[in-house]
Amino acid sequence: MINKIILISLYKNDYEIIKENVTLNCPINFYDNAKEAVETLEENIDNSIILISTLIEDMSYEDVIEQVVIKSKNCKVIVYSSFSSIEEVTKGLEKGVYDFIIGDDVLSKVVMSVNSLFQKSETSAYKIDNAKIQQPINSSLFEMIDYYQVQSKSSELNETIAQYNKWYDNSLKAMEKSSLLIVEDEHIFRKLLVDMVSTCYSQVTAVEGGKEAVEKLKEKKYGIAIVDLFLNDMDGVELIQVIKSYNPLIQIIVVTAFDLIDTASNVLKIGVADYLQKPIMKKDLLTSIEKAEIENKKAIIQEKALQEFFCKQINFEQKCVILESLFKFKKKNNKSFIMEDVYQVFPNLNNNNIYEKITLPPIIDKENIKRFISSFKLDEK
């Protein structure tokens, strides 16, 4: 049940329009100062909707998103802008944004999204336990690795990156081809899809409806799902959200006879890797699956890297070099370096009564981070 809306925007007019048009009967707290909003947010905002305009001045909206997600990974964050690039939309969604609304008459779309969200929380046939949903991988560490593949002048960092690349390649070689789940209610087209993919993929499961798909998801983790957006027994968008709740790393390819998704941002909003309109050519389908498989395996290996490589397979010195490089990379991109970045390579800190608001050293270099970590007397050396 949604119990509060928090709006962060420079313009009081945004507040007036949203207050007048949302059907949700709950308080709306308005802030024209983003830092004040972040500082006053309660720890328990799980049942809140956070509306963030990209037009804020005292801090970047990306930093606001990060700070909100730190306080609660289960609140619904909606970002809105008259214009943003597809890259900005993608990054927002990767950070955990529920919806990123762009275009003309953007406030009307925000109102529609809020009202729709409230209705879904009341009437959805499948209640999703947000506490059990795996959160998206923090991508900054891997963005830093990719950047310094060609930009690094540090021999210590280059050595660690080379070690990671070797580990990544070995992990990739050990993986089997992805398993596929096809959800299509038309028997003839379902059989056609199976025939198309079976020439290259041996693990293929095909079902005719959303409810049967949900049962299959309970039994197995699939790498790729091919989903008809219009099913007889379940809304396709709702099914995609349920699929993502069971397996956040799965790649979803939408197929439909209707040209309803007319912009790339709309495709991104419902969390899909690609959108194919019927009739579908075999070459196009296999190309789409091949790209989705690459992304699925990449996500799986990155998740494994956080659990194994960065925590267990590099030494204390290397971890400090990684954090020094991550600090420089985030500073270059106007992003805040936070404790969650440290937890990625020193996970024991997260279980060592370290509060989220602890003061990090103002400058993160290898020697500073060594002293900082050593002060907690972890068995990391």
Protein backbone atom coordinates (compact mmCIF):
# COMPACT_ATOMS: atom_id res chain seq x y z
CA MET A 1 0.00 0.00 0.00
CA ILE A 2 1.43 3.38 -1.07
CA ASN A 3 1.40 5.78 1.89
CA LYS A 4 3.39 8.81 0.71
CA ILE A 5 4.57 10.69 -2.37
CA ILE A 6 7.81 12.70 -2.20
CA LEU A 7 8.39 15.20 -5.01
CA ILE A 8 11.82 16.75 -5.70
CA SER A 9 11.67 19.55 -8.27
CA LEU A 10 12.60 23.20 -8.72
CA TYR A 11 9.06 24.11 -9.68
CA LYS A 12 6.10 24.47 -7.31
CA ASN A 13 3.84 24.17 -10.36
CA ASP A 14 4.85 20.50 -10.66
CA TYR A 15 3.56 19.94 -7.14
CA GLU A 16 0.26 21.74 -7.84
CA ILE A 17 -0.43 19.68 -10.98
CA ILE A 18 0.46 16.36 -9.38
CA LYS A 19 -1.48 17.10 -6.19
CA GLU A 20 -4.58 18.03 -8.18
CA ASN A 21 -4.58 15.02 -10.49
CA VAL A 22 -3.33 11.95 -8.65
CA THR A 23 -6.08 9.68 -7.36
CA LEU A 24 -3.98 8.45 -4.47
CA ASN A 25 -5.25 9.73 -1.13
CA CYS A 26 -1.95 10.24 0.69
CA PRO A 27 0.33 13.15 1.65
CA ILE A 28 2.62 14.69 -0.97
CA ASN A 29 5.84 16.21 0.39
CA PHE A 30 7.41 18.79 -1.94
CA TYR A 31 11.10 19.79 -1.92
CA ASP A 32 12.76 22.33 -4.20
CA ASN A 33 16.11 21.60 -2.54
CA ALA A 34 17.41 18.11 -3.34
CA LYS A 35 20.00 18.01 -0.55
CA GLU A 36 17.36 18.89 2.03
CA ALA A 37 15.08 16.20 0.61
CA VAL A 38 17.76 13.53 0.83
CA GLU A 39 18.79 14.54 4.35
CA THR A 40 15.21 14.48 5.67
CA LEU A 41 14.12 11.21 4.08
CA GLU A 42 13.12 8.69 6.72
CA GLU A 43 14.82 5.32 6.78
CA ASN A 44 11.49 3.57 6.22
CA ILE A 45 10.28 4.79 2.82
CA ASP A 46 9.53 1.35 1.40
CA ASN A 47 5.90 2.23 0.66
CA SER A 48 6.64 5.62 -0.87
CA ILE A 49 6.75 6.97 -4.41
CA ILE A 50 9.73 9.28 -5.01
CA LEU A 51 9.29 11.67 -7.96
CA ILE A 52 12.54 13.27 -9.15
CA SER A 53 12.77 15.97 -11.80
CA THR A 54 16.03 16.07 -13.75
CA LEU A 55 15.85 19.87 -13.42
CA ILE A 56 17.36 20.25 -9.97
CA GLU A 57 20.34 22.46 -9.22
CA ASP A 58 21.99 21.73 -5.88
CA MET A 59 22.99 18.14 -6.76
CA SER A 60 22.67 15.88 -9.78
CA TYR A 61 19.52 13.81 -10.11
CA GLU A 62 21.75 10.73 -10.53
CA ASP A 63 23.19 11.32 -7.05
CA VAL A 64 19.68 11.79 -5.67
CA ILE A 65 18.71 8.40 -7.11
CA GLU A 66 21.74 6.74 -5.51
CA GLN A 67 21.05 8.29 -2.12
CA VAL A 68 17.36 7.32 -2.22
CA VAL A 69 18.18 3.72 -3.17
CA ILE A 70 20.66 3.53 -0.27
CA LYS A 71 17.85 4.41 2.15
CA SER A 72 15.39 1.99 0.56
CA LYS A 73 15.74 -0.41 -2.33
CA ASN A 74 11.99 -1.08 -2.28
CA CYS A 75 10.49 2.39 -2.77
CA LYS A 76 9.30 3.34 -6.26
CA VAL A 77 11.48 6.01 -7.89
CA ILE A 78 10.06 7.84 -10.92
CA VAL A 79 12.33 10.27 -12.80
CA TYR A 80 10.85 12.71 -15.29
CA SER A 81 12.25 15.07 -17.93
CA SER A 82 11.08 16.88 -21.04
CA PHE A 83 14.10 15.44 -22.80
CA SER A 84 16.75 12.87 -21.90
CA SER A 85 18.93 10.61 -24.00
CA ILE A 86 18.43 6.85 -24.23
CA GLU A 87 21.75 6.46 -22.41
CA GLU A 88 20.41 8.50 -19.48
CA VAL A 89 17.22 6.41 -19.40
CA THR A 90 19.25 3.20 -19.44
CA LYS A 91 21.54 4.33 -16.62
CA GLY A 92 18.55 5.42 -14.55
CA LEU A 93 16.88 2.05 -14.91
CA GLU A 94 20.14 0.28 -14.04
CA LYS A 95 20.29 2.27 -10.81
CA GLY A 96 16.88 0.91 -9.83
CA VAL A 97 14.50 3.58 -11.15
CA TYR A 98 10.97 2.21 -11.51
CA ASP A 99 10.06 4.51 -14.40
CA PHE A 100 11.91 7.16 -16.43
CA ILE A 101 9.36 9.39 -18.15
CA ILE A 102 10.37 11.67 -21.03
CA GLY A 103 8.62 13.67 -23.72
CA ASP A 104 6.05 16.41 -24.13
CA ASP A 105 3.35 16.95 -21.48
CA VAL A 106 5.57 15.01 -19.11
CA LEU A 107 3.60 15.85 -15.94
CA SER A 108 0.45 14.24 -17.35
CA LYS A 109 2.47 11.09 -17.96
CA VAL A 110 3.84 11.25 -14.42
CA VAL A 111 0.29 11.44 -13.05
CA MET A 112 -0.72 8.46 -15.20
CA SER A 113 2.28 6.46 -13.98
CA VAL A 114 1.55 7.24 -10.32
CA ASN A 115 -2.14 6.38 -10.68
CA SER A 116 -1.27 3.18 -12.56
CA LEU A 117 1.24 2.22 -9.88
CA PHE A 118 -1.37 2.69 -7.17
CA GLN A 119 -3.91 0.56 -9.06
CA LYS A 120 -1.33 -2.20 -9.57
CA SER A 121 -0.50 -2.23 -5.87
CA GLU A 122 -4.20 -2.74 -5.14
CA THR A 123 -5.29 -5.13 -7.89
CA SER A 124 -2.28 -7.06 -9.23
CA ALA A 125 -2.94 -10.79 -9.47
CA TYR A 126 0.70 -11.49 -8.59
CA LYS A 127 1.96 -9.78 -5.45
CA ILE A 128 5.71 -9.34 -5.77
CA ASP A 129 7.72 -9.47 -2.54
CA ASN A 130 10.18 -6.63 -3.13
CA ALA A 131 12.32 -7.74 -0.21
CA LYS A 132 13.13 -10.96 -2.07
CA ILE A 133 13.91 -9.33 -5.40
CA GLN A 134 17.59 -9.29 -6.24
CA GLN A 135 18.65 -5.70 -6.87
CA PRO A 136 20.47 -4.68 -10.05
CA ILE A 137 24.24 -4.99 -10.00
CA ASN A 138 26.08 -1.77 -9.15
CA SER A 139 27.59 -1.13 -12.58
CA SER A 140 30.15 1.57 -11.66
CA LEU A 141 32.86 -0.96 -10.79
CA PHE A 142 32.52 -2.72 -14.15
CA GLU A 143 32.24 0.57 -16.04
CA MET A 144 35.52 1.54 -14.40
CA ILE A 145 37.13 -1.75 -15.44
CA ASP A 146 35.99 -1.23 -19.05
CA TYR A 147 37.24 2.37 -19.07
CA TYR A 148 40.69 1.54 -17.74
CA GLN A 149 41.14 -1.38 -20.14
CA VAL A 150 42.59 1.24 -22.52
CA GLN A 151 43.03 4.34 -20.34
CA SER A 152 45.00 3.08 -17.34
CA LYS A 153 48.55 4.28 -16.71
CA SER A 154 48.85 2.32 -13.46
CA SER A 155 50.85 -0.89 -13.68
CA GLU A 156 49.18 -2.15 -10.48
CA LEU A 157 45.70 -1.61 -11.89
CA ASN A 158 46.68 -3.08 -15.27
CA GLU A 159 47.87 -6.24 -13.53
CA THR A 160 44.57 -6.63 -11.68
CA ILE A 161 42.52 -5.93 -14.82
CA ALA A 162 44.53 -8.56 -16.73
CA GLN A 163 43.86 -11.03 -13.91
CA TYR A 164 40.15 -10.19 -14.07
CA ASN A 165 40.05 -10.59 -17.85
CA LYS A 166 41.58 -14.06 -17.60
CA TRP A 167 39.12 -15.02 -14.86
CA TYR A 168 36.22 -13.62 -16.93
CA ASP A 169 37.24 -15.54 -20.07
CA ASN A 170 37.58 -18.81 -18.12
CA SER A 171 34.16 -18.26 -16.52
CA LEU A 172 32.60 -17.55 -19.91
CA LYS A 173 34.09 -20.70 -21.47
CA ALA A 174 32.67 -22.80 -18.64
CA MET A 175 29.09 -21.60 -19.25
CA GLU A 176 26.58 -23.59 -21.26
CA LYS A 177 24.31 -22.03 -23.88
CA SER A 178 21.39 -20.16 -22.37
CA SER A 179 18.07 -21.87 -21.77
CA LEU A 180 15.03 -20.29 -23.45
CA LEU A 181 11.46 -19.79 -22.27
CA ILE A 182 8.90 -19.02 -24.98
CA VAL A 183 5.52 -17.57 -23.95
CA GLU A 184 3.11 -17.45 -26.90
CA ASP A 185 -0.63 -18.19 -26.86
CA GLU A 186 -1.00 -18.85 -30.60
CA HIS A 187 -0.23 -22.54 -31.19
CA ILE A 188 1.04 -22.15 -34.75
CA PHE A 189 3.32 -19.24 -33.96
CA ARG A 190 4.57 -20.91 -30.76
CA LYS A 191 5.57 -23.99 -32.78
CA LEU A 192 7.23 -21.74 -35.38
CA LEU A 193 9.31 -20.00 -32.70
CA VAL A 194 10.38 -23.35 -31.25
CA ASP A 195 11.40 -24.60 -34.69
CA MET A 196 13.40 -21.42 -35.34
CA VAL A 197 15.44 -21.54 -32.14
CA SER A 198 15.85 -25.32 -31.81
CA THR A 199 18.49 -25.37 -34.55
CA CYS A 200 20.85 -23.48 -32.22
CA TYR A 201 19.48 -24.03 -28.71
CA SER A 202 18.69 -27.36 -27.09
CA GLN A 203 17.14 -26.14 -23.82
CA VAL A 204 13.85 -24.65 -25.00
CA THR A 205 10.60 -24.57 -23.02
CA ALA A 206 7.42 -23.29 -24.68
CA VAL A 207 4.17 -22.43 -22.88
CA GLU A 208 0.91 -20.87 -24.04
CA GLY A 209 0.18 -18.45 -21.22
CA GLY A 210 1.52 -16.22 -18.48
CA LYS A 211 0.31 -18.35 -15.59
CA GLU A 212 2.07 -21.44 -16.94
CA ALA A 213 5.19 -19.35 -17.51
CA VAL A 214 5.19 -18.28 -13.86
CA GLU A 215 5.07 -21.94 -12.78
CA LYS A 216 8.05 -22.72 -15.04
CA LEU A 217 9.97 -19.80 -13.54
CA LYS A 218 9.54 -21.32 -10.09
CA GLU A 219 11.21 -24.51 -11.30
CA LYS A 220 14.16 -23.18 -13.30
CA LYS A 221 16.31 -20.15 -14.05
CA TYR A 222 16.13 -19.25 -17.72
CA GLY A 223 18.66 -17.06 -19.51
CA ILE A 224 16.26 -15.63 -22.10
CA ALA A 225 12.48 -15.29 -22.30
CA ILE A 226 10.63 -14.64 -25.56
CA VAL A 227 7.27 -13.13 -24.59
CA ASP A 228 4.19 -12.23 -26.61
CA LEU A 229 3.01 -8.91 -25.20
CA PHE A 230 -0.68 -9.83 -25.62
CA LEU A 231 -1.70 -13.06 -23.91
CA ASN A 232 -5.16 -14.46 -23.23
CA ASP A 233 -4.67 -15.07 -19.51
CA MET A 234 -2.30 -12.32 -18.35
CA ASP A 235 -1.10 -8.83 -19.26
CA GLY A 236 2.28 -9.09 -20.99
CA VAL A 237 3.81 -6.12 -19.17
CA GLU A 238 2.78 -7.57 -15.81
CA LEU A 239 4.28 -10.92 -16.83
CA ILE A 240 7.58 -9.22 -17.66
CA GLN A 241 7.63 -7.62 -14.20
CA VAL A 242 6.92 -11.00 -12.59
CA ILE A 243 9.67 -12.66 -14.66
CA LYS A 244 12.14 -9.99 -13.56
CA SER A 245 11.12 -10.47 -9.92
CA TYR A 246 12.04 -14.16 -10.16
CA ASN A 247 15.20 -13.62 -12.18
CA PRO A 248 16.54 -10.04 -12.55
CA LEU A 249 19.37 -11.19 -14.84
CA ILE A 250 17.11 -12.77 -17.46
CA GLN A 251 16.99 -11.09 -20.88
CA ILE A 252 13.50 -10.61 -22.35
CA ILE A 253 12.62 -10.35 -26.03
CA VAL A 254 9.11 -9.07 -26.74
CA VAL A 255 7.21 -10.28 -29.81
CA THR A 256 3.84 -8.94 -30.93
CA ALA A 257 1.76 -8.34 -34.04
CA PHE A 258 1.07 -4.76 -32.95
CA ASP A 259 3.35 -1.75 -33.25
CA LEU A 260 2.51 -0.32 -29.83
CA ILE A 261 5.96 0.44 -28.51
CA ASP A 262 7.04 3.35 -30.66
CA THR A 263 10.14 4.57 -28.82
CA ALA A 264 13.23 2.92 -27.43
CA SER A 265 12.59 4.46 -24.01
CA ASN A 266 9.24 2.69 -23.77
CA VAL A 267 10.94 -0.62 -24.54
CA LEU A 268 13.53 0.04 -21.86
CA LYS A 269 10.90 0.93 -19.28
CA ILE A 270 9.41 -2.55 -19.24
CA GLY A 271 12.86 -4.10 -18.95
CA VAL A 272 13.27 -5.85 -22.30
CA ALA A 273 16.37 -6.52 -24.37
CA ASP A 274 14.66 -6.29 -27.77
CA TYR A 275 11.30 -5.82 -29.47
CA LEU A 276 10.32 -7.78 -32.58
CA GLN A 277 7.16 -7.25 -34.58
CA LYS A 278 5.47 -10.18 -36.33
CA PRO A 279 6.07 -11.61 -38.85
CA ILE A 280 9.55 -12.44 -37.57
CA MET A 281 12.41 -13.66 -39.73
CA LYS A 282 14.52 -16.49 -38.32
CA LYS A 283 17.74 -14.52 -38.87
CA ASP A 284 16.39 -11.53 -36.93
CA LEU A 285 15.20 -13.71 -34.05
CA LEU A 286 18.50 -15.60 -33.73
CA THR A 287 20.48 -12.35 -33.91
CA SER A 288 18.34 -10.89 -31.13
CA ILE A 289 18.78 -14.03 -29.00
CA GLU A 290 22.54 -14.03 -29.59
CA LYS A 291 22.80 -10.43 -28.31
CA ALA A 292 20.55 -11.24 -25.34
CA GLU A 293 22.66 -14.29 -24.49
CA ILE A 294 25.83 -12.18 -24.42
CA GLU A 295 24.19 -9.72 -22.00
CA ASN A 296 22.76 -12.50 -19.82
CA LYS A 297 26.11 -14.25 -19.48
CA LYS A 298 27.85 -10.94 -18.84
CA ALA A 299 25.40 -10.14 -16.01
CA ILE A 300 25.78 -13.61 -14.49
CA ILE A 301 29.59 -13.42 -14.57
CA GLN A 302 29.59 -9.91 -13.09
CA GLU A 303 27.38 -11.08 -10.25
CA LYS A 304 29.76 -14.00 -9.71
CA ALA A 305 32.74 -11.62 -9.87
CA LEU A 306 31.41 -9.60 -6.94
CA GLN A 307 31.01 -12.76 -4.88
CA GLU A 308 34.25 -14.47 -5.88
CA PHE A 309 36.86 -12.52 -7.83
CA PHE A 310 36.84 -9.10 -6.14
CA CYS A 311 36.25 -10.54 -2.67
CA LYS A 312 38.38 -13.68 -2.69
CA GLN A 313 40.82 -13.82 -5.60
CA ILE A 314 42.66 -10.52 -5.29
CA ASN A 315 44.78 -9.46 -2.32
CA PHE A 316 44.43 -6.52 0.06
CA GLU A 317 46.77 -4.28 -1.98
CA GLN A 318 44.85 -4.97 -5.18
CA LYS A 319 41.51 -4.19 -3.52
CA CYS A 320 42.84 -0.82 -2.40
CA VAL A 321 44.08 -0.08 -5.93
CA ILE A 322 40.62 -0.99 -7.27
CA LEU A 323 38.93 1.43 -4.85
CA GLU A 324 41.41 4.21 -5.61
CA SER A 325 40.69 3.79 -9.33
CA LEU A 326 36.94 3.62 -8.75
CA PHE A 327 37.05 6.87 -6.75
CA LYS A 328 38.91 8.64 -9.59
CA PHE A 329 36.53 7.21 -12.20
CA LYS A 330 33.40 8.30 -10.32
CA LYS A 331 34.85 11.73 -9.61
CA LYS A 332 35.61 12.14 -13.32
CA ASN A 333 31.96 11.31 -14.05
CA ASN A 334 30.58 13.55 -11.26
CA LYS A 335 29.38 10.63 -9.17
CA SER A 336 29.64 10.19 -5.43
CA PHE A 337 31.91 7.55 -3.94
CA ILE A 338 29.88 5.78 -1.24
CA MET A 339 30.27 2.99 1.30
CA GLU A 340 28.47 0.57 -1.04
CA ASP A 341 31.48 0.90 -3.36
CA VAL A 342 33.75 -0.23 -0.53
CA TYR A 343 31.45 -3.13 0.37
CA GLN A 344 31.91 -4.59 -3.13
CA VAL A 345 35.50 -5.58 -2.38
CA PHE A 346 35.34 -5.61 1.44
CA PRO A 347 31.95 -7.26 2.11
CA ASN A 348 32.88 -8.03 5.72
CA LEU A 349 32.55 -4.33 6.49
CA ASN A 350 28.85 -4.57 5.71
CA ASN A 351 28.47 -7.09 8.55
CA ASN A 352 30.73 -5.28 10.97
CA ASN A 353 28.36 -2.66 12.42
CA ILE A 354 29.53 -0.05 9.94
CA TYR A 355 26.84 2.57 9.55
CA GLU A 356 25.91 3.78 6.06
CA LYS A 357 26.60 7.39 7.02
CA ILE A 358 30.17 6.74 8.19
CA THR A 359 32.62 9.39 7.02
CA LEU A 360 34.90 8.19 4.25
CA PRO A 361 38.31 9.81 3.72
CA PRO A 362 37.87 13.00 1.62
CA ILE A 363 40.43 11.76 -0.88
CA ILE A 364 40.47 8.08 -1.72
CA ASP A 365 43.93 6.86 -2.65
CA LYS A 366 45.56 3.51 -1.98
CA GLU A 367 47.26 4.55 1.27
CA ASN A 368 44.16 6.29 2.68
CA ILE A 369 41.91 3.34 1.94
CA LYS A 370 44.48 0.94 3.47
CA ARG A 371 44.45 2.93 6.71
CA PHE A 372 40.65 3.21 6.62
CA ILE A 373 40.08 -0.53 6.16
CA SER A 374 42.84 -1.48 8.60
CA SER A 375 41.17 0.61 11.32
CA PHE A 376 38.35 -1.95 11.44
CA LYS A 377 40.78 -4.81 12.07
CA LEU A 378 39.38 -7.08 9.36
CA ASP A 379 41.23 -10.26 8.48
CA GLU A 380 41.86 -9.10 4.91
CA LYS A 381 45.63 -9.07 4.61
